[in-house]
Amino acid sequence: ALLALGALTYTAWALEAVLPTGLTPAHTYVSELAAGNQPYGTLFRST
């Protein structure tokens, strides 16, 4: 159960498909979603 929840949480980056992150998925690092100056940085750092 812990591993399954961890796997699910580890895919939180897929929320960029519905959130206006301003980043282009094809050309940016996944970790840039959690950058300090990004609008949803707190969300992605938390996940």
ModelCIF file with pLDDT and N, C-alpha, C, O atoms, coordinates in Angstrom:
data_MODEL
#
_entry.id   MODEL 
#
_entity.id                         1 
_entity.type                       polymer 
_entity.pdbx_number_of_molecules   1 
#
_entity_poly.entity_id                      1 
_entity_poly.type                           'polypeptide(L)' 
_entity_poly.nstd_linkage                   no 
_entity_poly.nstd_monomer                   no 
_entity_poly.pdbx_seq_one_letter_code       ALLALGALTYTAWALEAVLPTGLTPAHTYVSELAAGNQPYGTLFRST 
_entity_poly.pdbx_seq_one_letter_code_can   ALLALGALTYTAWALEAVLPTGLTPAHTYVSELAAGNQPYGTLFRST 
_entity_poly.pdbx_strand_id                 A 
#
loop_
_entity_poly_seq.entity_id 
_entity_poly_seq.num 
_entity_poly_seq.mon_id 
_entity_poly_seq.hetero 
1 1  ALA n 
1 2  LEU n 
1 3  LEU n 
1 4  ALA n 
1 5  LEU n 
1 6  GLY n 
1 7  ALA n 
1 8  LEU n 
1 9  THR n 
1 10 TYR n 
1 11 THR n 
1 12 ALA n 
1 13 TRP n 
1 14 ALA n 
1 15 LEU n 
1 16 GLU n 
1 17 ALA n 
1 18 VAL n 
1 19 LEU n 
1 20 PRO n 
1 21 THR n 
1 22 GLY n 
1 23 LEU n 
1 24 THR n 
1 25 PRO n 
1 26 ALA n 
1 27 HIS n 
1 28 THR n 
1 29 TYR n 
1 30 VAL n 
1 31 SER n 
1 32 GLU n 
1 33 LEU n 
1 34 ALA n 
1 35 ALA n 
1 36 GLY n 
1 37 ASN n 
1 38 GLN n 
1 39 PRO n 
1 40 TYR n 
1 41 GLY n 
1 42 THR n 
1 43 LEU n 
1 44 PHE n 
1 45 ARG n 
1 46 SER n 
1 47 THR n 
#
_struct_asym.id          A 
_struct_asym.entity_id   1 
#
loop_
_ma_qa_metric.id 
_ma_qa_metric.mode 
_ma_qa_metric.name 
_ma_qa_metric.software_group_id 
_ma_qa_metric.type 
1 global pLDDT . pLDDT 
2 local  pLDDT . pLDDT 
#
_ma_qa_metric_global.metric_id      1 
_ma_qa_metric_global.metric_value   96.57 
_ma_qa_metric_global.model_id       1 
_ma_qa_metric_global.ordinal_id     1 
#
loop_
_ma_qa_metric_local.label_asym_id 
_ma_qa_metric_local.label_comp_id 
_ma_qa_metric_local.label_seq_id 
_ma_qa_metric_local.metric_id 
_ma_qa_metric_local.metric_value 
_ma_qa_metric_local.model_id 
_ma_qa_metric_local.ordinal_id 
A ALA 1  2 97.00 1 1  
A LEU 2  2 97.00 1 2  
A LEU 3  2 97.00 1 3  
A ALA 4  2 97.00 1 4  
A LEU 5  2 98.00 1 5  
A GLY 6  2 98.00 1 6  
A ALA 7  2 98.00 1 7  
A LEU 8  2 98.00 1 8  
A THR 9  2 98.00 1 9  
A TYR 10 2 98.00 1 10 
A THR 11 2 97.00 1 11 
A ALA 12 2 97.00 1 12 
A TRP 13 2 97.00 1 13 
A ALA 14 2 97.00 1 14 
A LEU 15 2 98.00 1 15 
A GLU 16 2 97.00 1 16 
A ALA 17 2 96.00 1 17 
A VAL 18 2 97.00 1 18 
A LEU 19 2 97.00 1 19 
A PRO 20 2 97.00 1 20 
A THR 21 2 96.00 1 21 
A GLY 22 2 94.00 1 22 
A LEU 23 2 96.00 1 23 
A THR 24 2 94.00 1 24 
A PRO 25 2 95.00 1 25 
A ALA 26 2 93.00 1 26 
A HIS 27 2 92.00 1 27 
A THR 28 2 95.00 1 28 
A TYR 29 2 95.00 1 29 
A VAL 30 2 96.00 1 30 
A SER 31 2 96.00 1 31 
A GLU 32 2 97.00 1 32 
A LEU 33 2 97.00 1 33 
A ALA 34 2 97.00 1 34 
A ALA 35 2 97.00 1 35 
A GLY 36 2 95.00 1 36 
A ASN 37 2 95.00 1 37 
A GLN 38 2 96.00 1 38 
A PRO 39 2 96.00 1 39 
A TYR 40 2 97.00 1 40 
A GLY 41 2 97.00 1 41 
A THR 42 2 97.00 1 42 
A LEU 43 2 98.00 1 43 
A PHE 44 2 98.00 1 44 
A ARG 45 2 98.00 1 45 
A SER 46 2 98.00 1 46 
A THR 47 2 98.00 1 47 
#
loop_
_atom_site.group_PDB 
_atom_site.id 
_atom_site.type_symbol 
_atom_site.label_atom_id 
_atom_site.label_alt_id 
_atom_site.label_comp_id 
_atom_site.label_asym_id 
_atom_site.label_entity_id 
_atom_site.label_seq_id 
_atom_site.pdbx_PDB_ins_code 
_atom_site.Cartn_x 
_atom_site.Cartn_y 
_atom_site.Cartn_z 
_atom_site.occupancy 
_atom_site.B_iso_or_equiv 
_atom_site.pdbx_formal_charge 
_atom_site.auth_seq_id 
_atom_site.auth_comp_id 
_atom_site.auth_asym_id 
_atom_site.auth_atom_id 
_atom_site.pdbx_PDB_model_num 
ATOM 1   N N  . ALA A 1 1  ? 0.831  -1.207 0.000   1.00 97.00 ? 1  ALA A N  1 
ATOM 2   C CA . ALA A 1 1  ? 0.000  0.000  0.000   1.00 97.00 ? 1  ALA A CA 1 
ATOM 3   C C  . ALA A 1 1  ? 0.864  1.256  0.000   1.00 97.00 ? 1  ALA A C  1 
ATOM 4   O O  . ALA A 1 1  ? 0.570  2.207  -0.724  1.00 97.00 ? 1  ALA A O  1 
ATOM 5   N N  . LEU A 1 2  ? 1.924  1.270  0.800   1.00 97.00 ? 2  LEU A N  1 
ATOM 6   C CA . LEU A 1 2  ? 2.813  2.430  0.852   1.00 97.00 ? 2  LEU A CA 1 
ATOM 7   C C  . LEU A 1 2  ? 3.508  2.643  -0.499  1.00 97.00 ? 2  LEU A C  1 
ATOM 8   O O  . LEU A 1 2  ? 3.639  3.773  -0.968  1.00 97.00 ? 2  LEU A O  1 
ATOM 9   N N  . LEU A 1 3  ? 3.946  1.555  -1.109  1.00 97.00 ? 3  LEU A N  1 
ATOM 10  C CA . LEU A 1 3  ? 4.601  1.672  -2.411  1.00 97.00 ? 3  LEU A CA 1 
ATOM 11  C C  . LEU A 1 3  ? 3.632  2.152  -3.485  1.00 97.00 ? 3  LEU A C  1 
ATOM 12  O O  . LEU A 1 3  ? 3.990  2.972  -4.330  1.00 97.00 ? 3  LEU A O  1 
ATOM 13  N N  . ALA A 1 4  ? 2.402  1.639  -3.450  1.00 97.00 ? 4  ALA A N  1 
ATOM 14  C CA . ALA A 1 4  ? 1.403  2.054  -4.430  1.00 97.00 ? 4  ALA A CA 1 
ATOM 15  C C  . ALA A 1 4  ? 1.091  3.538  -4.289  1.00 97.00 ? 4  ALA A C  1 
ATOM 16  O O  . ALA A 1 4  ? 0.985  4.255  -5.285  1.00 97.00 ? 4  ALA A O  1 
ATOM 17  N N  . LEU A 1 5  ? 0.945  3.995  -3.050  1.00 98.00 ? 5  LEU A N  1 
ATOM 18  C CA . LEU A 1 5  ? 0.696  5.418  -2.815  1.00 98.00 ? 5  LEU A CA 1 
ATOM 19  C C  . LEU A 1 5  ? 1.899  6.257  -3.240  1.00 98.00 ? 5  LEU A C  1 
ATOM 20  O O  . LEU A 1 5  ? 1.747  7.346  -3.794  1.00 98.00 ? 5  LEU A O  1 
ATOM 21  N N  . GLY A 1 6  ? 3.094  5.735  -2.972  1.00 98.00 ? 6  GLY A N  1 
ATOM 22  C CA . GLY A 1 6  ? 4.303  6.439  -3.390  1.00 98.00 ? 6  GLY A CA 1 
ATOM 23  C C  . GLY A 1 6  ? 4.386  6.555  -4.902  1.00 98.00 ? 6  GLY A C  1 
ATOM 24  O O  . GLY A 1 6  ? 4.756  7.602  -5.432  1.00 98.00 ? 6  GLY A O  1 
ATOM 25  N N  . ALA A 1 7  ? 4.035  5.463  -5.603  1.00 98.00 ? 7  ALA A N  1 
ATOM 26  C CA . ALA A 1 7  ? 4.046  5.483  -7.069  1.00 98.00 ? 7  ALA A CA 1 
ATOM 27  C C  . ALA A 1 7  ? 3.045  6.492  -7.606  1.00 98.00 ? 7  ALA A C  1 
ATOM 28  O O  . ALA A 1 7  ? 3.340  7.239  -8.539  1.00 98.00 ? 7  ALA A O  1 
ATOM 29  N N  . LEU A 1 8  ? 1.853  6.506  -7.007  1.00 98.00 ? 8  LEU A N  1 
ATOM 30  C CA . LEU A 1 8  ? 0.818  7.442  -7.452  1.00 98.00 ? 8  LEU A CA 1 
ATOM 31  C C  . LEU A 1 8  ? 1.251  8.888  -7.217  1.00 98.00 ? 8  LEU A C  1 
ATOM 32  O O  . LEU A 1 8  ? 1.085  9.737  -8.093  1.00 98.00 ? 8  LEU A O  1 
ATOM 33  N N  . THR A 1 9  ? 1.800  9.164  -6.048  1.00 98.00 ? 9  THR A N  1 
ATOM 34  C CA . THR A 1 9  ? 2.245  10.522 -5.723  1.00 98.00 ? 9  THR A CA 1 
ATOM 35  C C  . THR A 1 9  ? 3.409  10.948 -6.603  1.00 98.00 ? 9  THR A C  1 
ATOM 36  O O  . THR A 1 9  ? 3.556  12.128 -6.922  1.00 98.00 ? 9  THR A O  1 
ATOM 37  N N  . TYR A 1 10 ? 4.241  9.978  -6.995  1.00 98.00 ? 10 TYR A N  1 
ATOM 38  C CA . TYR A 1 10 ? 5.409  10.278 -7.821  1.00 98.00 ? 10 TYR A CA 1 
ATOM 39  C C  . TYR A 1 10 ? 5.012  10.690 -9.237  1.00 98.00 ? 10 TYR A C  1 
ATOM 40  O O  . TYR A 1 10 ? 5.831  11.217 -9.989  1.00 98.00 ? 10 TYR A O  1 
ATOM 41  N N  . THR A 1 11 ? 3.749  10.447 -9.595  1.00 97.00 ? 11 THR A N  1 
ATOM 42  C CA . THR A 1 11 ? 3.266  10.857 -10.925 1.00 97.00 ? 11 THR A CA 1 
ATOM 43  C C  . THR A 1 11 ? 2.519  12.186 -10.874 1.00 97.00 ? 11 THR A C  1 
ATOM 44  O O  . THR A 1 11 ? 1.841  12.544 -11.837 1.00 97.00 ? 11 THR A O  1 
ATOM 45  N N  . ALA A 1 12 ? 2.629  12.918 -9.777  1.00 97.00 ? 12 ALA A N  1 
ATOM 46  C CA . ALA A 1 12 ? 1.918  14.196 -9.648  1.00 97.00 ? 12 ALA A CA 1 
ATOM 47  C C  . ALA A 1 12 ? 2.316  15.192 -10.731 1.00 97.00 ? 12 ALA A C  1 
ATOM 48  O O  . ALA A 1 12 ? 1.555  16.110 -11.037 1.00 97.00 ? 12 ALA A O  1 
ATOM 49  N N  . TRP A 1 13 ? 3.503  15.020 -11.315 1.00 97.00 ? 13 TRP A N  1 
ATOM 50  C CA . TRP A 1 13 ? 3.941  15.919 -12.393 1.00 97.00 ? 13 TRP A CA 1 
ATOM 51  C C  . TRP A 1 13 ? 2.956  15.907 -13.568 1.00 97.00 ? 13 TRP A C  1 
ATOM 52  O O  . TRP A 1 13 ? 2.896  16.863 -14.342 1.00 97.00 ? 13 TRP A O  1 
ATOM 53  N N  . ALA A 1 14 ? 2.182  14.820 -13.696 1.00 97.00 ? 14 ALA A N  1 
ATOM 54  C CA . ALA A 1 14 ? 1.223  14.731 -14.798 1.00 97.00 ? 14 ALA A CA 1 
ATOM 55  C C  . ALA A 1 14 ? 0.111  15.774 -14.678 1.00 97.00 ? 14 ALA A C  1 
ATOM 56  O O  . ALA A 1 14 ? -0.624 16.010 -15.637 1.00 97.00 ? 14 ALA A O  1 
ATOM 57  N N  . LEU A 1 15 ? -0.014 16.394 -13.512 1.00 98.00 ? 15 LEU A N  1 
ATOM 58  C CA . LEU A 1 15 ? -1.003 17.460 -13.337 1.00 98.00 ? 15 LEU A CA 1 
ATOM 59  C C  . LEU A 1 15 ? -0.700 18.663 -14.225 1.00 98.00 ? 15 LEU A C  1 
ATOM 60  O O  . LEU A 1 15 ? -1.558 19.526 -14.417 1.00 98.00 ? 15 LEU A O  1 
ATOM 61  N N  . GLU A 1 16 ? 0.511  18.724 -14.763 1.00 97.00 ? 16 GLU A N  1 
ATOM 62  C CA . GLU A 1 16 ? 0.846  19.831 -15.671 1.00 97.00 ? 16 GLU A CA 1 
ATOM 63  C C  . GLU A 1 16 ? -0.056 19.829 -16.900 1.00 97.00 ? 16 GLU A C  1 
ATOM 64  O O  . GLU A 1 16 ? -0.168 20.833 -17.602 1.00 97.00 ? 16 GLU A O  1 
ATOM 65  N N  . ALA A 1 17 ? -0.701 18.682 -17.153 1.00 96.00 ? 17 ALA A N  1 
ATOM 66  C CA . ALA A 1 17 ? -1.607 18.600 -18.303 1.00 96.00 ? 17 ALA A CA 1 
ATOM 67  C C  . ALA A 1 17 ? -2.858 19.449 -18.108 1.00 96.00 ? 17 ALA A C  1 
ATOM 68  O O  . ALA A 1 17 ? -3.500 19.846 -19.080 1.00 96.00 ? 17 ALA A O  1 
ATOM 69  N N  . VAL A 1 18 ? -3.208 19.730 -16.839 1.00 97.00 ? 18 VAL A N  1 
ATOM 70  C CA . VAL A 1 18 ? -4.421 20.507 -16.566 1.00 97.00 ? 18 VAL A CA 1 
ATOM 71  C C  . VAL A 1 18 ? -4.134 21.810 -15.827 1.00 97.00 ? 18 VAL A C  1 
ATOM 72  O O  . VAL A 1 18 ? -5.031 22.638 -15.669 1.00 97.00 ? 18 VAL A O  1 
ATOM 73  N N  . LEU A 1 19 ? -2.901 22.001 -15.374 1.00 97.00 ? 19 LEU A N  1 
ATOM 74  C CA . LEU A 1 19 ? -2.545 23.221 -14.653 1.00 97.00 ? 19 LEU A CA 1 
ATOM 75  C C  . LEU A 1 19 ? -1.773 24.165 -15.580 1.00 97.00 ? 19 LEU A C  1 
ATOM 76  O O  . LEU A 1 19 ? -0.931 23.711 -16.355 1.00 97.00 ? 19 LEU A O  1 
ATOM 77  N N  . PRO A 1 20 ? -2.047 25.460 -15.510 1.00 97.00 ? 20 PRO A N  1 
ATOM 78  C CA . PRO A 1 20 ? -1.332 26.439 -16.350 1.00 97.00 ? 20 PRO A CA 1 
ATOM 79  C C  . PRO A 1 20 ? 0.058  26.748 -15.784 1.00 97.00 ? 20 PRO A C  1 
ATOM 80  O O  . PRO A 1 20 ? 0.286  27.817 -15.216 1.00 97.00 ? 20 PRO A O  1 
ATOM 81  N N  . THR A 1 21 ? 0.971  25.804 -15.947 1.00 96.00 ? 21 THR A N  1 
ATOM 82  C CA . THR A 1 21 ? 2.309  25.975 -15.375 1.00 96.00 ? 21 THR A CA 1 
ATOM 83  C C  . THR A 1 21 ? 3.162  26.966 -16.157 1.00 96.00 ? 21 THR A C  1 
ATOM 84  O O  . THR A 1 21 ? 4.092  27.557 -15.608 1.00 96.00 ? 21 THR A O  1 
ATOM 85  N N  . GLY A 1 22 ? 2.850  27.145 -17.424 1.00 94.00 ? 22 GLY A N  1 
ATOM 86  C CA . GLY A 1 22 ? 3.658  28.040 -18.248 1.00 94.00 ? 22 GLY A CA 1 
ATOM 87  C C  . GLY A 1 22 ? 4.910  27.383 -18.799 1.00 94.00 ? 22 GLY A C  1 
ATOM 88  O O  . GLY A 1 22 ? 5.691  28.035 -19.491 1.00 94.00 ? 22 GLY A O  1 
ATOM 89  N N  . LEU A 1 23 ? 5.119  26.104 -18.506 1.00 96.00 ? 23 LEU A N  1 
ATOM 90  C CA . LEU A 1 23 ? 6.289  25.378 -18.981 1.00 96.00 ? 23 LEU A CA 1 
ATOM 91  C C  . LEU A 1 23 ? 5.892  24.419 -20.098 1.00 96.00 ? 23 LEU A C  1 
ATOM 92  O O  . LEU A 1 23 ? 4.778  23.894 -20.108 1.00 96.00 ? 23 LEU A O  1 
ATOM 93  N N  . THR A 1 24 ? 6.797  24.196 -21.029 1.00 94.00 ? 24 THR A N  1 
ATOM 94  C CA . THR A 1 24 ? 6.547  23.286 -22.141 1.00 94.00 ? 24 THR A CA 1 
ATOM 95  C C  . THR A 1 24 ? 7.065  21.894 -21.787 1.00 94.00 ? 24 THR A C  1 
ATOM 96  O O  . THR A 1 24 ? 8.277  21.708 -21.676 1.00 94.00 ? 24 THR A O  1 
ATOM 97  N N  . PRO A 1 25 ? 6.182  20.912 -21.608 1.00 95.00 ? 25 PRO A N  1 
ATOM 98  C CA . PRO A 1 25 ? 6.616  19.575 -21.159 1.00 95.00 ? 25 PRO A CA 1 
ATOM 99  C C  . PRO A 1 25 ? 7.686  18.939 -22.038 1.00 95.00 ? 25 PRO A C  1 
ATOM 100 O O  . PRO A 1 25 ? 8.543  18.217 -21.528 1.00 95.00 ? 25 PRO A O  1 
ATOM 101 N N  . ALA A 1 26 ? 7.658  19.183 -23.321 1.00 93.00 ? 26 ALA A N  1 
ATOM 102 C CA . ALA A 1 26 ? 8.610  18.523 -24.222 1.00 93.00 ? 26 ALA A CA 1 
ATOM 103 C C  . ALA A 1 26 ? 10.042 19.022 -24.063 1.00 93.00 ? 26 ALA A C  1 
ATOM 104 O O  . ALA A 1 26 ? 10.980 18.348 -24.489 1.00 93.00 ? 26 ALA A O  1 
ATOM 105 N N  . HIS A 1 27 ? 10.221 20.189 -23.460 1.00 92.00 ? 27 HIS A N  1 
ATOM 106 C CA . HIS A 1 27 ? 11.551 20.804 -23.427 1.00 92.00 ? 27 HIS A CA 1 
ATOM 107 C C  . HIS A 1 27 ? 12.057 21.154 -22.027 1.00 92.00 ? 27 HIS A C  1 
ATOM 108 O O  . HIS A 1 27 ? 13.169 21.665 -21.898 1.00 92.00 ? 27 HIS A O  1 
ATOM 109 N N  . THR A 1 28 ? 11.285 20.898 -20.992 1.00 95.00 ? 28 THR A N  1 
ATOM 110 C CA . THR A 1 28 ? 11.689 21.313 -19.641 1.00 95.00 ? 28 THR A CA 1 
ATOM 111 C C  . THR A 1 28 ? 11.885 20.118 -18.711 1.00 95.00 ? 28 THR A C  1 
ATOM 112 O O  . THR A 1 28 ? 11.306 19.050 -18.909 1.00 95.00 ? 28 THR A O  1 
ATOM 113 N N  . TYR A 1 29 ? 12.712 20.328 -17.697 1.00 95.00 ? 29 TYR A N  1 
ATOM 114 C CA . TYR A 1 29 ? 12.894 19.313 -16.659 1.00 95.00 ? 29 TYR A CA 1 
ATOM 115 C C  . TYR A 1 29 ? 11.609 19.163 -15.854 1.00 95.00 ? 29 TYR A C  1 
ATOM 116 O O  . TYR A 1 29 ? 10.871 20.129 -15.659 1.00 95.00 ? 29 TYR A O  1 
ATOM 117 N N  . VAL A 1 30 ? 11.350 17.948 -15.389 1.00 96.00 ? 30 VAL A N  1 
ATOM 118 C CA . VAL A 1 30 ? 10.219 17.724 -14.484 1.00 96.00 ? 30 VAL A CA 1 
ATOM 119 C C  . VAL A 1 30 ? 10.402 18.551 -13.215 1.00 96.00 ? 30 VAL A C  1 
ATOM 120 O O  . VAL A 1 30 ? 9.441  19.119 -12.697 1.00 96.00 ? 30 VAL A O  1 
ATOM 121 N N  . SER A 1 31 ? 11.627 18.618 -12.719 1.00 96.00 ? 31 SER A N  1 
ATOM 122 C CA . SER A 1 31 ? 11.905 19.331 -11.471 1.00 96.00 ? 31 SER A CA 1 
ATOM 123 C C  . SER A 1 31 ? 11.668 20.826 -11.572 1.00 96.00 ? 31 SER A C  1 
ATOM 124 O O  . SER A 1 31 ? 11.545 21.502 -10.551 1.00 96.00 ? 31 SER A O  1 
ATOM 125 N N  . GLU A 1 32 ? 11.602 21.357 -12.802 1.00 97.00 ? 32 GLU A N  1 
ATOM 126 C CA . GLU A 1 32 ? 11.331 22.789 -12.950 1.00 97.00 ? 32 GLU A CA 1 
ATOM 127 C C  . GLU A 1 32 ? 9.905  23.140 -12.536 1.00 97.00 ? 32 GLU A C  1 
ATOM 128 O O  . GLU A 1 32 ? 9.615  24.294 -12.218 1.00 97.00 ? 32 GLU A O  1 
ATOM 129 N N  . LEU A 1 33 ? 9.018  22.151 -12.538 1.00 97.00 ? 33 LEU A N  1 
ATOM 130 C CA . LEU A 1 33 ? 7.656  22.389 -12.051 1.00 97.00 ? 33 LEU A CA 1 
ATOM 131 C C  . LEU A 1 33 ? 7.661  22.795 -10.581 1.00 97.00 ? 33 LEU A C  1 
ATOM 132 O O  . LEU A 1 33 ? 6.784  23.531 -10.127 1.00 97.00 ? 33 LEU A O  1 
ATOM 133 N N  . ALA A 1 34 ? 8.663  22.304 -9.841  1.00 97.00 ? 34 ALA A N  1 
ATOM 134 C CA . ALA A 1 34 ? 8.753  22.575 -8.406  1.00 97.00 ? 34 ALA A CA 1 
ATOM 135 C C  . ALA A 1 34 ? 9.728  23.703 -8.078  1.00 97.00 ? 34 ALA A C  1 
ATOM 136 O O  . ALA A 1 34 ? 10.057 23.914 -6.911  1.00 97.00 ? 34 ALA A O  1 
ATOM 137 N N  . ALA A 1 35 ? 10.187 24.418 -9.082  1.00 97.00 ? 35 ALA A N  1 
ATOM 138 C CA . ALA A 1 35 ? 11.138 25.508 -8.844  1.00 97.00 ? 35 ALA A CA 1 
ATOM 139 C C  . ALA A 1 35 ? 10.538 26.580 -7.945  1.00 97.00 ? 35 ALA A C  1 
ATOM 140 O O  . ALA A 1 35 ? 9.322  26.764 -7.889  1.00 97.00 ? 35 ALA A O  1 
ATOM 141 N N  . GLY A 1 36 ? 11.409 27.270 -7.254  1.00 95.00 ? 36 GLY A N  1 
ATOM 142 C CA . GLY A 1 36 ? 10.963 28.244 -6.266  1.00 95.00 ? 36 GLY A CA 1 
ATOM 143 C C  . GLY A 1 36 ? 10.109 29.364 -6.814  1.00 95.00 ? 36 GLY A C  1 
ATOM 144 O O  . GLY A 1 36 ? 9.277  29.910 -6.089  1.00 95.00 ? 36 GLY A O  1 
ATOM 145 N N  . ASN A 1 37 ? 10.292 29.722 -8.074  1.00 95.00 ? 37 ASN A N  1 
ATOM 146 C CA . ASN A 1 37 ? 9.545  30.852 -8.620  1.00 95.00 ? 37 ASN A CA 1 
ATOM 147 C C  . ASN A 1 37 ? 8.360  30.413 -9.499  1.00 95.00 ? 37 ASN A C  1 
ATOM 148 O O  . ASN A 1 37 ? 7.759  31.239 -10.186 1.00 95.00 ? 37 ASN A O  1 
ATOM 149 N N  . GLN A 1 38 ? 8.032  29.131 -9.476  1.00 96.00 ? 38 GLN A N  1 
ATOM 150 C CA . GLN A 1 38 ? 6.930  28.635 -10.301 1.00 96.00 ? 38 GLN A CA 1 
ATOM 151 C C  . GLN A 1 38 ? 5.602  28.713 -9.554  1.00 96.00 ? 38 GLN A C  1 
ATOM 152 O O  . GLN A 1 38 ? 5.573  28.548 -8.335  1.00 96.00 ? 38 GLN A O  1 
ATOM 153 N N  . PRO A 1 39 ? 4.507  28.961 -10.263 1.00 96.00 ? 39 PRO A N  1 
ATOM 154 C CA . PRO A 1 39 ? 3.215  29.181 -9.597  1.00 96.00 ? 39 PRO A CA 1 
ATOM 155 C C  . PRO A 1 39 ? 2.711  27.988 -8.794  1.00 96.00 ? 39 PRO A C  1 
ATOM 156 O O  . PRO A 1 39 ? 2.011  28.165 -7.797  1.00 96.00 ? 39 PRO A O  1 
ATOM 157 N N  . TYR A 1 40 ? 3.061  26.764 -9.221  1.00 97.00 ? 40 TYR A N  1 
ATOM 158 C CA . TYR A 1 40 ? 2.605  25.575 -8.502  1.00 97.00 ? 40 TYR A CA 1 
ATOM 159 C C  . TYR A 1 40 ? 3.784  24.835 -7.857  1.00 97.00 ? 40 TYR A C  1 
ATOM 160 O O  . TYR A 1 40 ? 3.728  23.631 -7.607  1.00 97.00 ? 40 TYR A O  1 
ATOM 161 N N  . GLY A 1 41 ? 4.842  25.591 -7.599  1.00 97.00 ? 41 GLY A N  1 
ATOM 162 C CA . GLY A 1 41 ? 6.036  24.996 -7.019  1.00 97.00 ? 41 GLY A CA 1 
ATOM 163 C C  . GLY A 1 41 ? 5.780  24.319 -5.689  1.00 97.00 ? 41 GLY A C  1 
ATOM 164 O O  . GLY A 1 41 ? 6.295  23.229 -5.439  1.00 97.00 ? 41 GLY A O  1 
ATOM 165 N N  . THR A 1 42 ? 4.991  24.950 -4.830  1.00 97.00 ? 42 THR A N  1 
ATOM 166 C CA . THR A 1 42 ? 4.710  24.370 -3.509  1.00 97.00 ? 42 THR A CA 1 
ATOM 167 C C  . THR A 1 42 ? 3.990  23.037 -3.636  1.00 97.00 ? 42 THR A C  1 
ATOM 168 O O  . THR A 1 42 ? 4.292  22.092 -2.907  1.00 97.00 ? 42 THR A O  1 
ATOM 169 N N  . LEU A 1 43 ? 3.047  22.958 -4.550  1.00 98.00 ? 43 LEU A N  1 
ATOM 170 C CA . LEU A 1 43 ? 2.306  21.710 -4.778  1.00 98.00 ? 43 LEU A CA 1 
ATOM 171 C C  . LEU A 1 43 ? 3.248  20.593 -5.190  1.00 98.00 ? 43 LEU A C  1 
ATOM 172 O O  . LEU A 1 43 ? 3.212  19.508 -4.611  1.00 98.00 ? 43 LEU A O  1 
ATOM 173 N N  . PHE A 1 44 ? 4.085  20.842 -6.177  1.00 98.00 ? 44 PHE A N  1 
ATOM 174 C CA . PHE A 1 44 ? 4.960  19.784 -6.681  1.00 98.00 ? 44 PHE A CA 1 
ATOM 175 C C  . PHE A 1 44 ? 6.082  19.442 -5.705  1.00 98.00 ? 44 PHE A C  1 
ATOM 176 O O  . PHE A 1 44 ? 6.530  18.297 -5.653  1.00 98.00 ? 44 PHE A O  1 
ATOM 177 N N  . ARG A 1 45 ? 6.533  20.416 -4.940  1.00 98.00 ? 45 ARG A N  1 
ATOM 178 C CA . ARG A 1 45 ? 7.527  20.090 -3.912  1.00 98.00 ? 45 ARG A CA 1 
ATOM 179 C C  . ARG A 1 45 ? 6.900  19.221 -2.827  1.00 98.00 ? 45 ARG A C  1 
ATOM 180 O O  . ARG A 1 45 ? 7.547  18.315 -2.302  1.00 98.00 ? 45 ARG A O  1 
ATOM 181 N N  . SER A 1 46 ? 5.660  19.492 -2.498  1.00 98.00 ? 46 SER A N  1 
ATOM 182 C CA . SER A 1 46 ? 4.962  18.715 -1.466  1.00 98.00 ? 46 SER A CA 1 
ATOM 183 C C  . SER A 1 46 ? 4.728  17.278 -1.919  1.00 98.00 ? 46 SER A C  1 
ATOM 184 O O  . SER A 1 46 ? 4.900  16.343 -1.138  1.00 98.00 ? 46 SER A O  1 
ATOM 185 N N  . THR A 1 47 ? 4.338  17.103 -3.173  1.00 98.00 ? 47 THR A N  1 
ATOM 186 C CA . THR A 1 47 ? 4.099  15.738 -3.658  1.00 98.00 ? 47 THR A CA 1 
ATOM 187 C C  . THR A 1 47 ? 5.414  14.963 -3.778  1.00 98.00 ? 47 THR A C  1 
ATOM 188 O O  . THR A 1 47 ? 5.409  13.796 -4.171  1.00 98.00 ? 47 THR A O  1 
#
